[in-house]
Amino acid sequence: MQVRDTRCQRFPLTPGRHLRGAAYAECRVGEARFTLAGSHLSTDPTERPAQAAEFRRGLDAASSPVVAGADLNEGPDGQAWATVARGLTDAAIAADQADRLTYSCADPRRRIDALFVDPRISVVDYDVVDTPQTRRASDHFPVLVDLLLPTTG
């Protein structure tokens, strides 16, 4: 994989809260070009909608198909989730794995981590990795996907 360009986006800082934002990488694998993006939205539900809108603007500015991963800190029924997901494919749903929970490792009960892809990208496989190592590494389970990227030319 070749990373062609990167950029970051800072969300407005609420005093007393953690700085949040997003990271973007313009990538190429063979003839396939895509934008890889990631974000971690606030645990405060009053902050999330504006952060999701900022992240969405960053995704909309991408010049190639998007692969976006995020800890949204809310489930698929949330407003921020809907904002980020708009026009994209939820990889868990595409792989018929939406029942796989990502949080918390100690007591899995919610899917608050998501991977969204441009509709031109095919989701081949989706997994939530649950091992002793992943349980020690974070309070969230990692999401692993296998994607088929569209090629240019």
C-alpha atoms as a PDB file:
ATOM      1  CA  MET A   1       0.000   0.000   0.000  1.00  0.00           C
ATOM      2  CA  GLN A   2       1.228   3.449  -0.885  1.00  0.00           C
ATOM      3  CA  VAL A   3       0.158   6.453   1.209  1.00  0.00           C
ATOM      4  CA  ARG A   4       0.037   9.412  -1.180  1.00  0.00           C
ATOM      5  CA  ASP A   5      -1.092  12.173   1.189  1.00  0.00           C
ATOM      6  CA  THR A   6      -2.364  12.699   4.733  1.00  0.00           C
ATOM      7  CA  ARG A   7      -4.338  15.335   6.569  1.00  0.00           C
ATOM      8  CA  CYS A   8      -5.872  15.808   9.972  1.00  0.00           C
ATOM      9  CA  GLN A   9      -8.974  17.587  11.155  1.00  0.00           C
ATOM     10  CA  ARG A  10      -9.504  18.959  14.648  1.00  0.00           C
ATOM     11  CA  PHE A  11     -12.989  19.266  16.006  1.00  0.00           C
ATOM     12  CA  PRO A  12     -13.859  22.337  18.088  1.00  0.00           C
ATOM     13  CA  LEU A  13     -12.567  21.900  21.629  1.00  0.00           C
ATOM     14  CA  THR A  14     -15.007  22.093  24.504  1.00  0.00           C
ATOM     15  CA  PRO A  15     -13.165  23.360  27.604  1.00  0.00           C
ATOM     16  CA  GLY A  16     -12.507  20.517  30.016  1.00  0.00           C
ATOM     17  CA  ARG A  17     -13.006  17.838  27.338  1.00  0.00           C
ATOM     18  CA  HIS A  18     -10.600  15.753  25.271  1.00  0.00           C
ATOM     19  CA  LEU A  19      -9.474  17.120  21.913  1.00  0.00           C
ATOM     20  CA  ARG A  20     -11.155  15.087  19.168  1.00  0.00           C
ATOM     21  CA  GLY A  21     -10.700  14.974  15.442  1.00  0.00           C
ATOM     22  CA  ALA A  22     -10.125  12.804  12.412  1.00  0.00           C
ATOM     23  CA  ALA A  23      -7.215  11.573  10.324  1.00  0.00           C
ATOM     24  CA  TYR A  24      -7.253  10.943   6.578  1.00  0.00           C
ATOM     25  CA  ALA A  25      -4.845   9.166   4.239  1.00  0.00           C
ATOM     26  CA  GLU A  26      -5.035   9.088   0.461  1.00  0.00           C
ATOM     27  CA  CYS A  27      -3.923   5.554  -0.420  1.00  0.00           C
ATOM     28  CA  ARG A  28      -3.189   3.378  -3.401  1.00  0.00           C
ATOM     29  CA  VAL A  29      -2.982  -0.394  -3.698  1.00  0.00           C
ATOM     30  CA  GLY A  30      -2.101  -1.406  -7.249  1.00  0.00           C
ATOM     31  CA  GLU A  31      -4.531   0.545  -9.413  1.00  0.00           C
ATOM     32  CA  ALA A  32      -7.047   1.023  -6.601  1.00  0.00           C
ATOM     33  CA  ARG A  33      -7.176   4.431  -4.938  1.00  0.00           C
ATOM     34  CA  PHE A  34      -9.102   5.115  -1.761  1.00  0.00           C
ATOM     35  CA  THR A  35      -9.298   7.489   1.181  1.00  0.00           C
ATOM     36  CA  LEU A  36      -8.774   5.913   4.585  1.00  0.00           C
ATOM     37  CA  ALA A  37     -10.307   7.887   7.466  1.00  0.00           C
ATOM     38  CA  GLY A  38     -10.644   7.426  11.187  1.00  0.00           C
ATOM     39  CA  SER A  39     -12.217   9.293  14.068  1.00  0.00           C
ATOM     40  CA  HIS A  40     -13.152   8.953  17.735  1.00  0.00           C
ATOM     41  CA  LEU A  41     -16.222  10.948  18.697  1.00  0.00           C
ATOM     42  CA  SER A  42     -16.958  12.297  22.157  1.00  0.00           C
ATOM     43  CA  THR A  43     -18.463  10.312  24.992  1.00  0.00           C
ATOM     44  CA  ASP A  44     -20.677  13.372  25.593  1.00  0.00           C
ATOM     45  CA  PRO A  45     -23.884  12.997  23.542  1.00  0.00           C
ATOM     46  CA  THR A  46     -24.264  16.784  23.275  1.00  0.00           C
ATOM     47  CA  GLU A  47     -20.903  17.067  21.454  1.00  0.00           C
ATOM     48  CA  ARG A  48     -21.246  14.109  19.079  1.00  0.00           C
ATOM     49  CA  PRO A  49     -23.670  15.546  16.483  1.00  0.00           C
ATOM     50  CA  ALA A  50     -21.397  18.499  15.650  1.00  0.00           C
ATOM     51  CA  GLN A  51     -18.318  16.263  15.588  1.00  0.00           C
ATOM     52  CA  ALA A  52     -20.098  13.799  13.300  1.00  0.00           C
ATOM     53  CA  ALA A  53     -21.047  16.653  10.961  1.00  0.00           C
ATOM     54  CA  GLU A  54     -17.409  17.822  10.846  1.00  0.00           C
ATOM     55  CA  PHE A  55     -16.212  14.267  10.150  1.00  0.00           C
ATOM     56  CA  ARG A  56     -18.879  13.919   7.452  1.00  0.00           C
ATOM     57  CA  ARG A  57     -17.644  17.113   5.758  1.00  0.00           C
ATOM     58  CA  GLY A  58     -14.142  15.643   5.757  1.00  0.00           C
ATOM     59  CA  LEU A  59     -15.428  12.414   4.201  1.00  0.00           C
ATOM     60  CA  ASP A  60     -17.404  14.347   1.588  1.00  0.00           C
ATOM     61  CA  ALA A  61     -14.207  16.185   0.594  1.00  0.00           C
ATOM     62  CA  ALA A  62     -12.426  12.927  -0.267  1.00  0.00           C
ATOM     63  CA  SER A  63     -11.306  12.616  -3.876  1.00  0.00           C
ATOM     64  CA  SER A  64     -11.548   8.808  -3.942  1.00  0.00           C
ATOM     65  CA  PRO A  65     -13.782   6.074  -2.482  1.00  0.00           C
ATOM     66  CA  VAL A  66     -13.876   6.221   1.323  1.00  0.00           C
ATOM     67  CA  VAL A  67     -13.064   3.611   3.967  1.00  0.00           C
ATOM     68  CA  ALA A  68     -13.974   5.198   7.315  1.00  0.00           C
ATOM     69  CA  GLY A  69     -13.548   3.634  10.729  1.00  0.00           C
ATOM     70  CA  ALA A  70     -14.771   5.281  13.891  1.00  0.00           C
ATOM     71  CA  ASP A  71     -15.479   4.870  17.563  1.00  0.00           C
ATOM     72  CA  LEU A  72     -18.783   6.709  17.470  1.00  0.00           C
ATOM     73  CA  ASN A  73     -19.570   6.206  21.162  1.00  0.00           C
ATOM     74  CA  GLU A  74     -23.177   5.465  20.215  1.00  0.00           C
ATOM     75  CA  GLY A  75     -25.044   2.711  18.434  1.00  0.00           C
ATOM     76  CA  PRO A  76     -26.571   2.534  14.953  1.00  0.00           C
ATOM     77  CA  ASP A  77     -29.746   4.240  16.184  1.00  0.00           C
ATOM     78  CA  GLY A  78     -27.860   7.430  17.097  1.00  0.00           C
ATOM     79  CA  GLN A  79     -27.896  10.768  15.291  1.00  0.00           C
ATOM     80  CA  ALA A  80     -24.102  10.942  14.940  1.00  0.00           C
ATOM     81  CA  TRP A  81     -24.000   7.400  13.528  1.00  0.00           C
ATOM     82  CA  ALA A  82     -26.626   8.331  10.916  1.00  0.00           C
ATOM     83  CA  THR A  83     -24.689  11.456   9.937  1.00  0.00           C
ATOM     84  CA  VAL A  84     -21.422   9.598   9.391  1.00  0.00           C
ATOM     85  CA  ALA A  85     -23.113   6.620   7.676  1.00  0.00           C
ATOM     86  CA  ARG A  86     -25.107   8.706   5.178  1.00  0.00           C
ATOM     87  CA  GLY A  87     -24.449   7.410   1.660  1.00  0.00           C
ATOM     88  CA  LEU A  88     -21.949   4.809   2.869  1.00  0.00           C
ATOM     89  CA  THR A  89     -22.228   1.069   3.445  1.00  0.00           C
ATOM     90  CA  ASP A  90     -22.026  -0.231   7.014  1.00  0.00           C
ATOM     91  CA  ALA A  91     -19.545  -3.112   6.660  1.00  0.00           C
ATOM     92  CA  ALA A  92     -21.140  -5.093   9.504  1.00  0.00           C
ATOM     93  CA  ILE A  93     -24.549  -4.982   7.833  1.00  0.00           C
ATOM     94  CA  ALA A  94     -23.093  -5.780   4.403  1.00  0.00           C
ATOM     95  CA  ALA A  95     -21.459  -8.900   5.859  1.00  0.00           C
ATOM     96  CA  ASP A  96     -24.571  -9.845   7.869  1.00  0.00           C
ATOM     97  CA  GLN A  97     -22.606  -9.353  11.111  1.00  0.00           C
ATOM     98  CA  ALA A  98     -24.432  -6.404  12.679  1.00  0.00           C
ATOM     99  CA  ASP A  99     -25.043  -8.466  15.806  1.00  0.00           C
ATOM    100  CA  ARG A 100     -21.290  -8.515  16.564  1.00  0.00           C
ATOM    101  CA  LEU A 101     -20.664  -6.263  19.572  1.00  0.00           C
ATOM    102  CA  THR A 102     -17.548  -4.104  19.848  1.00  0.00           C
ATOM    103  CA  TYR A 103     -17.793  -2.660  23.364  1.00  0.00           C
ATOM    104  CA  SER A 104     -16.867  -3.401  26.048  1.00  0.00           C
ATOM    105  CA  CYS A 105     -14.348  -6.219  26.113  1.00  0.00           C
ATOM    106  CA  ALA A 106     -15.200  -6.881  29.764  1.00  0.00           C
ATOM    107  CA  ASP A 107     -18.948  -7.101  29.085  1.00  0.00           C
ATOM    108  CA  PRO A 108     -19.785  -6.922  25.357  1.00  0.00           C
ATOM    109  CA  ARG A 109     -23.165  -5.241  25.008  1.00  0.00           C
ATOM    110  CA  ARG A 110     -22.975  -2.546  22.309  1.00  0.00           C
ATOM    111  CA  ARG A 111     -21.819  -1.952  18.747  1.00  0.00           C
ATOM    112  CA  ILE A 112     -20.365   1.566  18.937  1.00  0.00           C
ATOM    113  CA  ASP A 113     -17.409   1.053  16.586  1.00  0.00           C
ATOM    114  CA  ALA A 114     -18.084   1.033  12.877  1.00  0.00           C
ATOM    115  CA  LEU A 115     -16.461   0.717   9.514  1.00  0.00           C
ATOM    116  CA  PHE A 116     -18.216   2.449   6.631  1.00  0.00           C
ATOM    117  CA  VAL A 117     -17.251   2.126   2.981  1.00  0.00           C
ATOM    118  CA  ASP A 118     -18.123   3.791  -0.280  1.00  0.00           C
ATOM    119  CA  PRO A 119     -20.824   1.757  -2.103  1.00  0.00           C
ATOM    120  CA  ARG A 120     -18.272   1.024  -4.874  1.00  0.00           C
ATOM    121  CA  ILE A 121     -16.244  -0.992  -2.358  1.00  0.00           C
ATOM    122  CA  SER A 122     -17.337  -4.584  -1.724  1.00  0.00           C
ATOM    123  CA  VAL A 123     -17.256  -5.989   1.796  1.00  0.00           C
ATOM    124  CA  VAL A 124     -15.894  -9.534   1.484  1.00  0.00           C
ATOM    125  CA  ASP A 125     -15.660 -10.309   5.196  1.00  0.00           C
ATOM    126  CA  TYR A 126     -16.148  -8.625   8.579  1.00  0.00           C
ATOM    127  CA  ASP A 127     -15.039  -9.805  11.993  1.00  0.00           C
ATOM    128  CA  VAL A 128     -14.827  -8.536  15.543  1.00  0.00           C
ATOM    129  CA  VAL A 129     -11.599  -9.985  16.905  1.00  0.00           C
ATOM    130  CA  ASP A 130     -12.026 -11.433  20.394  1.00  0.00           C
ATOM    131  CA  THR A 131      -8.806 -12.901  21.781  1.00  0.00           C
ATOM    132  CA  PRO A 132      -7.059 -12.669  25.150  1.00  0.00           C
ATOM    133  CA  GLN A 133      -4.657 -10.178  23.532  1.00  0.00           C
ATOM    134  CA  THR A 134      -7.394  -7.913  22.173  1.00  0.00           C
ATOM    135  CA  ARG A 135      -9.181  -7.961  25.521  1.00  0.00           C
ATOM    136  CA  ARG A 136      -5.987  -6.724  27.187  1.00  0.00           C
ATOM    137  CA  ALA A 137      -5.171  -4.141  24.515  1.00  0.00           C
ATOM    138  CA  SER A 138      -8.304  -1.996  24.750  1.00  0.00           C
ATOM    139  CA  ASP A 139     -11.781  -1.678  26.163  1.00  0.00           C
ATOM    140  CA  HIS A 140     -13.046  -2.071  22.565  1.00  0.00           C
ATOM    141  CA  PHE A 141     -12.695  -5.086  20.296  1.00  0.00           C
ATOM    142  CA  PRO A 142     -10.912  -4.441  16.997  1.00  0.00           C
ATOM    143  CA  VAL A 143     -12.893  -4.714  13.777  1.00  0.00           C
ATOM    144  CA  LEU A 144     -11.263  -6.569  10.891  1.00  0.00           C
ATOM    145  CA  VAL A 145     -12.575  -6.324   7.338  1.00  0.00           C
ATOM    146  CA  ASP A 146     -11.641  -7.742   3.966  1.00  0.00           C
ATOM    147  CA  LEU A 147     -12.558  -5.338   1.164  1.00  0.00           C
ATOM    148  CA  LEU A 148     -12.555  -5.472  -2.621  1.00  0.00           C
ATOM    149  CA  LEU A 149     -11.509  -2.054  -3.899  1.00  0.00           C
ATOM    150  CA  PRO A 150     -12.555  -0.646  -7.272  1.00  0.00           C
ATOM    151  CA  THR A 151      -9.705  -0.025  -9.694  1.00  0.00           C
ATOM    152  CA  THR A 152      -9.130   2.992 -11.879  1.00  0.00           C
ATOM    153  CA  GLY A 153      -8.228   2.929 -15.515  1.00  0.00           C
END
